[in-house]
PDB file of all heavy atoms in Angstrom:
ATOM      1  N   TYR A   1       7.051 -10.121  13.663  1.00  0.00           N
ATOM      2  CA  TYR A   1       6.083  -9.386  13.067  1.00  0.00           C
ATOM      3  C   TYR A   1       5.039  -9.004  13.979  1.00  0.00           C
ATOM      4  O   TYR A   1       4.537  -9.830  14.776  1.00  0.00           O
ATOM      5  CB  TYR A   1       5.463 -10.021  11.870  1.00  0.00           C
ATOM      6  CG  TYR A   1       6.353 -10.448  10.718  1.00  0.00           C
ATOM      7  CD1 TYR A   1       6.858 -11.668  10.691  1.00  0.00           C
ATOM      8  CD2 TYR A   1       6.580  -9.489   9.732  1.00  0.00           C
ATOM      9  CE1 TYR A   1       7.703 -12.085   9.655  1.00  0.00           C
ATOM     10  CE2 TYR A   1       7.618  -9.846   8.779  1.00  0.00           C
ATOM     11  CZ  TYR A   1       8.154 -11.187   8.640  1.00  0.00           C
ATOM     12  OH  TYR A   1       8.905 -11.541   7.749  1.00  0.00           O
ATOM     13  N   CYS A   2       4.636  -7.751  14.168  1.00  0.00           N
ATOM     14  CA  CYS A   2       3.615  -7.236  15.040  1.00  0.00           C
ATOM     15  C   CYS A   2       2.473  -6.598  14.288  1.00  0.00           C
ATOM     16  O   CYS A   2       2.714  -5.820  13.408  1.00  0.00           O
ATOM     17  CB  CYS A   2       4.125  -6.229  16.088  1.00  0.00           C
ATOM     18  SG  CYS A   2       5.596  -6.924  16.915  1.00  0.00           S
ATOM     19  N   SER A   3       1.233  -7.008  14.669  1.00  0.00           N
ATOM     20  CA  SER A   3       0.087  -6.398  13.970  1.00  0.00           C
ATOM     21  C   SER A   3       0.022  -4.873  14.302  1.00  0.00           C
ATOM     22  O   SER A   3       0.453  -4.514  15.476  1.00  0.00           O
ATOM     23  CB  SER A   3      -1.236  -6.986  14.507  1.00  0.00           C
ATOM     24  OG  SER A   3      -1.241  -8.239  13.958  1.00  0.00           O
ATOM     25  N   GLY A   4      -0.525  -4.013  13.458  1.00  0.00           N
ATOM     26  CA  GLY A   4      -0.518  -2.645  13.710  1.00  0.00           C
ATOM     27  C   GLY A   4      -1.972  -2.263  14.073  1.00  0.00           C
ATOM     28  O   GLY A   4      -2.814  -3.000  14.363  1.00  0.00           O
ATOM     29  N   THR A   5      -2.132  -0.960  13.985  1.00  0.00           N
ATOM     30  CA  THR A   5      -3.520  -0.455  14.380  1.00  0.00           C
ATOM     31  C   THR A   5      -4.274   0.037  13.162  1.00  0.00           C
ATOM     32  O   THR A   5      -5.374   0.378  13.298  1.00  0.00           O
ATOM     33  CB  THR A   5      -3.423   0.550  15.284  1.00  0.00           C
ATOM     34  OG1 THR A   5      -2.588   1.801  14.764  1.00  0.00           O
ATOM     35  CG2 THR A   5      -2.672   0.280  16.672  1.00  0.00           C
ATOM     36  N   GLY A   6      -3.630   0.109  11.982  1.00  0.00           N
ATOM     37  CA  GLY A   6      -4.459   0.612  10.696  1.00  0.00           C
ATOM     38  C   GLY A   6      -5.249  -0.483  10.218  1.00  0.00           C
ATOM     39  O   GLY A   6      -5.289  -1.615  10.592  1.00  0.00           O
ATOM     40  N   ASP A   7      -6.048   0.083   9.292  1.00  0.00           N
ATOM     41  CA  ASP A   7      -7.042  -0.811   8.542  1.00  0.00           C
ATOM     42  C   ASP A   7      -6.249  -1.543   7.380  1.00  0.00           C
ATOM     43  O   ASP A   7      -5.616  -0.809   6.490  1.00  0.00           O
ATOM     44  CB  ASP A   7      -8.174   0.131   7.977  1.00  0.00           C
ATOM     45  CG  ASP A   7      -9.178  -0.780   7.112  1.00  0.00           C
ATOM     46  OD1 ASP A   7     -10.113  -1.217   7.743  1.00  0.00           O
ATOM     47  OD2 ASP A   7      -9.015  -0.942   5.958  1.00  0.00           O
ATOM     48  N   LEU A   8      -6.306  -2.787   7.420  1.00  0.00           N
ATOM     49  CA  LEU A   8      -5.541  -3.621   6.438  1.00  0.00           C
ATOM     50  C   LEU A   8      -5.954  -3.316   5.032  1.00  0.00           C
ATOM     51  O   LEU A   8      -5.140  -3.201   4.152  1.00  0.00           O
ATOM     52  CB  LEU A   8      -5.725  -5.093   6.907  1.00  0.00           C
ATOM     53  CG  LEU A   8      -4.996  -6.122   5.930  1.00  0.00           C
ATOM     54  CD1 LEU A   8      -3.539  -5.860   5.986  1.00  0.00           C
ATOM     55  CD2 LEU A   8      -5.406  -7.540   6.420  1.00  0.00           C
ATOM     56  N   GLN A   9      -7.224  -3.378   4.862  1.00  0.00           N
ATOM     57  CA  GLN A   9      -7.688  -3.041   3.435  1.00  0.00           C
ATOM     58  C   GLN A   9      -7.176  -1.705   2.911  1.00  0.00           C
ATOM     59  O   GLN A   9      -6.754  -1.690   1.736  1.00  0.00           O
ATOM     60  CB  GLN A   9      -9.224  -3.212   3.274  1.00  0.00           C
ATOM     61  CG  GLN A   9      -9.768  -3.179   1.982  1.00  0.00           C
ATOM     62  CD  GLN A   9     -11.184  -3.485   1.794  1.00  0.00           C
ATOM     63  OE1 GLN A   9     -11.870  -3.724   2.758  1.00  0.00           O
ATOM     64  NE2 GLN A   9     -11.736  -3.427   0.565  1.00  0.00           N
ATOM     65  N   GLU A  10      -7.504  -0.639   3.717  1.00  0.00           N
ATOM     66  CA  GLU A  10      -7.061   0.709   3.314  1.00  0.00           C
ATOM     67  C   GLU A  10      -5.492   0.705   3.014  1.00  0.00           C
ATOM     68  O   GLU A  10      -5.078   1.264   2.069  1.00  0.00           O
ATOM     69  CB  GLU A  10      -7.392   1.568   4.321  1.00  0.00           C
ATOM     70  CG  GLU A  10      -8.965   2.024   4.286  1.00  0.00           C
ATOM     71  CD  GLU A  10      -9.201   2.931   5.364  1.00  0.00           C
ATOM     72  OE1 GLU A  10      -8.257   3.725   5.766  1.00  0.00           O
ATOM     73  OE2 GLU A  10     -10.453   2.996   5.662  1.00  0.00           O
ATOM     74  N   ASN A  11      -4.738   0.171   3.994  1.00  0.00           N
ATOM     75  CA  ASN A  11      -3.225   0.256   3.808  1.00  0.00           C
ATOM     76  C   ASN A  11      -2.718  -0.688   2.665  1.00  0.00           C
ATOM     77  O   ASN A  11      -1.751  -0.241   2.015  1.00  0.00           O
ATOM     78  CB  ASN A  11      -2.595  -0.337   5.117  1.00  0.00           C
ATOM     79  CG  ASN A  11      -2.877   0.666   6.261  1.00  0.00           C
ATOM     80  OD1 ASN A  11      -3.216   1.882   6.102  1.00  0.00           O
ATOM     81  ND2 ASN A  11      -2.580   0.160   7.504  1.00  0.00           N
ATOM     82  N   THR A  12      -3.349  -1.710   2.439  1.00  0.00           N
ATOM     83  CA  THR A  12      -2.948  -2.539   1.268  1.00  0.00           C
ATOM     84  C   THR A  12      -3.304  -1.835   0.026  1.00  0.00           C
ATOM     85  O   THR A  12      -2.470  -1.936  -0.925  1.00  0.00           O
ATOM     86  CB  THR A  12      -3.687  -3.915   1.267  1.00  0.00           C
ATOM     87  OG1 THR A  12      -3.285  -4.620   2.549  1.00  0.00           O
ATOM     88  CG2 THR A  12      -3.213  -4.788   0.198  1.00  0.00           C
ATOM     89  N   ALA A  13      -4.465  -1.251  -0.150  1.00  0.00           N
ATOM     90  CA  ALA A  13      -4.878  -0.430  -1.346  1.00  0.00           C
ATOM     91  C   ALA A  13      -3.845   0.574  -1.576  1.00  0.00           C
ATOM     92  O   ALA A  13      -3.469   0.918  -2.746  1.00  0.00           O
ATOM     93  CB  ALA A  13      -6.284  -0.068  -1.207  1.00  0.00           C
ATOM     94  N   ALA A  14      -3.503   1.343  -0.458  1.00  0.00           N
ATOM     95  CA  ALA A  14      -2.522   2.534  -0.699  1.00  0.00           C
ATOM     96  C   ALA A  14      -1.185   2.024  -1.159  1.00  0.00           C
ATOM     97  O   ALA A  14      -0.536   2.607  -1.975  1.00  0.00           O
ATOM     98  CB  ALA A  14      -2.469   3.269   0.691  1.00  0.00           C
ATOM     99  N   LEU A  15      -0.712   0.878  -0.659  1.00  0.00           N
ATOM    100  CA  LEU A  15       0.542   0.323  -1.079  1.00  0.00           C
ATOM    101  C   LEU A  15       0.517  -0.139  -2.553  1.00  0.00           C
ATOM    102  O   LEU A  15       1.419   0.172  -3.201  1.00  0.00           O
ATOM    103  CB  LEU A  15       0.813  -0.897  -0.181  1.00  0.00           C
ATOM    104  CG  LEU A  15       2.116  -1.662  -0.539  1.00  0.00           C
ATOM    105  CD1 LEU A  15       3.438  -0.662  -0.289  1.00  0.00           C
ATOM    106  CD2 LEU A  15       2.190  -2.910   0.507  1.00  0.00           C
ATOM    107  N   LEU A  16      -0.573  -0.711  -2.928  1.00  0.00           N
ATOM    108  CA  LEU A  16      -0.855  -1.052  -4.300  1.00  0.00           C
ATOM    109  C   LEU A  16      -0.731   0.163  -5.232  1.00  0.00           C
ATOM    110  O   LEU A  16      -0.216   0.057  -6.387  1.00  0.00           O
ATOM    111  CB  LEU A  16      -2.086  -1.928  -4.574  1.00  0.00           C
ATOM    112  CG  LEU A  16      -1.927  -3.407  -3.843  1.00  0.00           C
ATOM    113  CD1 LEU A  16      -3.302  -4.025  -3.923  1.00  0.00           C
ATOM    114  CD2 LEU A  16      -0.877  -4.203  -4.597  1.00  0.00           C
ATOM    115  N   ARG A  17      -1.605   1.197  -4.836  1.00  0.00           N
ATOM    116  CA  ARG A  17      -1.569   2.391  -5.677  1.00  0.00           C
ATOM    117  C   ARG A  17      -0.222   2.993  -5.715  1.00  0.00           C
ATOM    118  O   ARG A  17       0.264   3.392  -6.935  1.00  0.00           O
ATOM    119  CB  ARG A  17      -2.581   3.439  -5.005  1.00  0.00           C
ATOM    120  CG  ARG A  17      -3.970   3.192  -5.324  1.00  0.00           C
ATOM    121  CD  ARG A  17      -4.766   4.364  -4.789  1.00  0.00           C
ATOM    122  NE  ARG A  17      -4.682   4.610  -3.429  1.00  0.00           N
ATOM    123  CZ  ARG A  17      -5.419   4.114  -2.461  1.00  0.00           C
ATOM    124  NH1 ARG A  17      -6.488   3.217  -2.766  1.00  0.00           N
ATOM    125  NH2 ARG A  17      -5.369   4.474  -1.231  1.00  0.00           N
ATOM    126  N   SER A  18       0.620   2.937  -4.763  1.00  0.00           N
ATOM    127  CA  SER A  18       2.004   3.576  -4.734  1.00  0.00           C
ATOM    128  C   SER A  18       2.824   2.769  -5.739  1.00  0.00           C
ATOM    129  O   SER A  18       3.591   3.444  -6.382  1.00  0.00           O
ATOM    130  CB  SER A  18       2.512   3.594  -3.238  1.00  0.00           C
ATOM    131  OG  SER A  18       3.888   3.931  -3.252  1.00  0.00           O
ATOM    132  N   ALA A  19       2.697   1.435  -5.606  1.00  0.00           N
ATOM    133  CA  ALA A  19       3.513   0.617  -6.475  1.00  0.00           C
ATOM    134  C   ALA A  19       3.214   0.776  -7.928  1.00  0.00           C
ATOM    135  O   ALA A  19       4.086   0.965  -8.777  1.00  0.00           O
ATOM    136  CB  ALA A  19       3.337  -0.953  -6.112  1.00  0.00           C
ATOM    137  N   ARG A  20       1.855   0.960  -8.141  1.00  0.00           N
ATOM    138  CA  ARG A  20       1.478   1.167  -9.571  1.00  0.00           C
ATOM    139  C   ARG A  20       1.995   2.580 -10.197  1.00  0.00           C
ATOM    140  O   ARG A  20       2.368   2.691 -11.228  1.00  0.00           O
ATOM    141  CB  ARG A  20      -0.053   1.178  -9.626  1.00  0.00           C
ATOM    142  CG  ARG A  20      -0.723   1.184 -11.037  1.00  0.00           C
ATOM    143  CD  ARG A  20      -2.115   1.008 -11.054  1.00  0.00           C
ATOM    144  NE  ARG A  20      -2.493  -0.351 -10.822  1.00  0.00           N
ATOM    145  CZ  ARG A  20      -3.704  -0.829 -10.539  1.00  0.00           C
ATOM    146  NH1 ARG A  20      -4.707   0.107 -10.528  1.00  0.00           N
ATOM    147  NH2 ARG A  20      -3.846  -2.053 -10.231  1.00  0.00           N
ATOM    148  N   ARG A  21       1.949   3.578  -9.264  1.00  0.00           N
ATOM    149  CA  ARG A  21       2.477   4.978  -9.615  1.00  0.00           C
ATOM    150  C   ARG A  21       3.904   4.709  -9.982  1.00  0.00           C
ATOM    151  O   ARG A  21       4.342   5.434 -11.011  1.00  0.00           O
ATOM    152  CB  ARG A  21       2.180   6.015  -8.453  1.00  0.00           C
ATOM    153  CG  ARG A  21       0.947   6.693  -8.669  1.00  0.00           C
ATOM    154  CD  ARG A  21       0.829   7.928  -7.727  1.00  0.00           C
ATOM    155  NE  ARG A  21      -0.314   7.572  -6.842  1.00  0.00           N
ATOM    156  CZ  ARG A  21      -0.274   7.231  -5.468  1.00  0.00           C
ATOM    157  NH1 ARG A  21       0.845   7.269  -4.920  1.00  0.00           N
ATOM    158  NH2 ARG A  21      -1.316   6.888  -4.759  1.00  0.00           N
ATOM    159  N   GLU A  22       4.610   4.126  -9.065  1.00  0.00           N
ATOM    160  CA  GLU A  22       6.062   3.971  -9.383  1.00  0.00           C
ATOM    161  C   GLU A  22       6.360   3.230 -10.626  1.00  0.00           C
ATOM    162  O   GLU A  22       7.214   3.606 -11.450  1.00  0.00           O
ATOM    163  CB  GLU A  22       6.782   3.276  -8.275  1.00  0.00           C
ATOM    164  CG  GLU A  22       6.818   4.005  -6.913  1.00  0.00           C
ATOM    165  CD  GLU A  22       7.620   3.277  -5.904  1.00  0.00           C
ATOM    166  OE1 GLU A  22       8.440   2.317  -6.194  1.00  0.00           O
ATOM    167  OE2 GLU A  22       7.476   3.483  -4.622  1.00  0.00           O
ATOM    168  N   MET A  23       5.539   2.236 -11.011  1.00  0.00           N
ATOM    169  CA  MET A  23       5.743   1.536 -12.315  1.00  0.00           C
ATOM    170  C   MET A  23       5.475   2.384 -13.450  1.00  0.00           C
ATOM    171  O   MET A  23       6.254   2.303 -14.408  1.00  0.00           O
ATOM    172  CB  MET A  23       4.895   0.259 -12.366  1.00  0.00           C
ATOM    173  CG  MET A  23       5.331  -0.866 -11.320  1.00  0.00           C
ATOM    174  SD  MET A  23       4.215  -2.246 -11.274  1.00  0.00           S
ATOM    175  CE  MET A  23       3.958  -2.743 -12.940  1.00  0.00           C
ATOM    176  N   ALA A  24       4.374   3.170 -13.281  1.00  0.00           N
ATOM    177  CA  ALA A  24       4.062   4.160 -14.366  1.00  0.00           C
ATOM    178  C   ALA A  24       5.147   5.153 -14.586  1.00  0.00           C
ATOM    179  O   ALA A  24       5.439   5.567 -15.815  1.00  0.00           O
ATOM    180  CB  ALA A  24       2.686   4.827 -14.101  1.00  0.00           C
ATOM    181  N   ASP A  25       5.690   5.737 -13.501  1.00  0.00           N
ATOM    182  CA  ASP A  25       6.713   6.626 -13.514  1.00  0.00           C
ATOM    183  C   ASP A  25       7.976   6.035 -14.205  1.00  0.00           C
ATOM    184  O   ASP A  25       8.648   6.812 -15.129  1.00  0.00           O
ATOM    185  CB  ASP A  25       7.051   7.218 -12.211  1.00  0.00           C
ATOM    186  CG  ASP A  25       6.063   8.002 -11.584  1.00  0.00           C
ATOM    187  OD1 ASP A  25       5.173   8.603 -12.257  1.00  0.00           O
ATOM    188  OD2 ASP A  25       6.159   8.356 -10.326  1.00  0.00           O
ATOM    189  N   LYS A  26       8.319   4.881 -13.876  1.00  0.00           N
ATOM    190  CA  LYS A  26       9.446   4.159 -14.595  1.00  0.00           C
ATOM    191  C   LYS A  26       9.253   3.940 -16.094  1.00  0.00           C
ATOM    192  O   LYS A  26      10.119   4.159 -16.955  1.00  0.00           O
ATOM    193  CB  LYS A  26       9.793   2.841 -13.875  1.00  0.00           C
ATOM    194  CG  LYS A  26      10.421   3.084 -12.506  1.00  0.00           C
ATOM    195  CD  LYS A  26      10.734   1.734 -11.877  1.00  0.00           C
ATOM    196  CE  LYS A  26      11.259   1.966 -10.528  1.00  0.00           C
ATOM    197  NZ  LYS A  26      11.673   0.678  -9.819  1.00  0.00           N
TER     198      LYS A  26
END
């Protein structure tokens, strides 16, 4: 695993939002 250059908090929040949208769509 290699650390990236993005902001961890922002990327995690975006991932959680995406997962929530997918659950709502289902």
